[in-house]
Amino acid sequence: MNKMFKVLETAWLVIGCIGIIMCVYYAAVKDMDAAIYFLIFTLVSGLMYALRRRQRVKFEKMQQNKDQKQ
């Protein structure tokens, strides 16, 4: 289960990085209206990354507490 959390966390981080690159590209080459969509996309993926990271850390702490009790 912990591997799945790490994979999802990494996936959201990669998606966020791609969103940043696309946002900069569209801001430089195209118009700012198109870049705003990628900025929103990046913010959502950043939020999802933070939530997944928090979930993974919480799960690891729960597993450590469970292992210490046994």
Protein backbone atom coordinates (compact mmCIF):
# COMPACT_ATOMS: atom_id res chain seq x y z
CA MET A 1 0.00 0.00 0.00
CA ASN A 2 2.87 2.34 0.79
CA LYS A 3 4.32 1.83 -2.71
CA MET A 4 1.03 2.91 -4.23
CA PHE A 5 1.06 6.13 -2.20
CA LYS A 6 4.60 6.88 -3.37
CA VAL A 7 3.73 6.19 -7.01
CA LEU A 8 0.67 8.43 -6.89
CA GLU A 9 2.62 11.15 -5.11
CA THR A 10 5.36 11.02 -7.72
CA ALA A 11 2.82 11.00 -10.55
CA TRP A 12 1.17 14.19 -9.28
CA LEU A 13 4.59 15.82 -8.89
CA VAL A 14 5.51 14.95 -12.48
CA ILE A 15 2.14 16.19 -13.75
CA GLY A 16 2.70 19.44 -11.86
CA CYS A 17 6.14 19.90 -13.39
CA ILE A 18 4.74 19.30 -16.87
CA GLY A 19 2.03 21.86 -16.12
CA ILE A 20 4.63 24.45 -15.11
CA ILE A 21 6.60 23.84 -18.30
CA MET A 22 3.46 24.11 -20.43
CA CYS A 23 2.38 27.26 -18.59
CA VAL A 24 5.73 28.96 -19.25
CA TYR A 25 5.70 27.81 -22.88
CA TYR A 26 2.19 29.10 -23.54
CA ALA A 27 2.96 32.38 -21.77
CA ALA A 28 6.07 32.92 -23.89
CA VAL A 29 4.89 31.65 -27.27
CA LYS A 30 1.10 31.96 -27.25
CA ASP A 31 -1.22 34.17 -25.23
CA MET A 32 -1.75 34.48 -21.49
CA ASP A 33 -5.32 33.18 -21.71
CA ALA A 34 -4.05 29.74 -22.68
CA ALA A 35 -1.35 29.86 -20.00
CA ILE A 36 -3.93 30.49 -17.28
CA TYR A 37 -5.52 27.10 -17.92
CA PHE A 38 -2.18 25.39 -17.41
CA LEU A 39 -1.58 27.47 -14.29
CA ILE A 40 -4.88 26.26 -12.83
CA PHE A 41 -3.96 22.72 -13.88
CA THR A 42 -0.62 23.09 -12.08
CA LEU A 43 -2.25 24.41 -8.92
CA VAL A 44 -4.71 21.50 -8.83
CA SER A 45 -1.93 18.96 -9.34
CA GLY A 46 0.11 20.68 -6.61
CA LEU A 47 -2.85 20.40 -4.26
CA MET A 48 -3.27 16.73 -5.10
CA TYR A 49 0.46 16.16 -4.53
CA ALA A 50 0.23 17.77 -1.11
CA LEU A 51 -2.81 15.70 -0.18
CA ARG A 52 -1.18 12.46 -1.32
CA ARG A 53 2.03 13.28 0.55
CA ARG A 54 0.07 14.01 3.71
CA GLN A 55 -1.84 10.76 3.29
CA ARG A 56 1.39 8.77 2.84
CA VAL A 57 3.05 10.31 5.89
CA LYS A 58 -0.06 9.67 7.97
CA PHE A 59 -0.15 6.05 6.78
CA GLU A 60 3.56 5.56 7.61
CA LYS A 61 3.05 6.92 11.12
CA MET A 62 0.07 4.63 11.59
CA GLN A 63 2.15 1.66 10.44
CA GLN A 64 5.00 2.59 12.82
CA ASN A 65 2.59 2.83 15.76
CA LYS A 66 1.06 -0.50 14.81
CA ASP A 67 4.50 -2.14 14.58
CA GLN A 68 5.59 -0.70 17.95
CA LYS A 69 2.50 -2.09 19.70
CA GLN A 70 3.23 -5.62 18.51
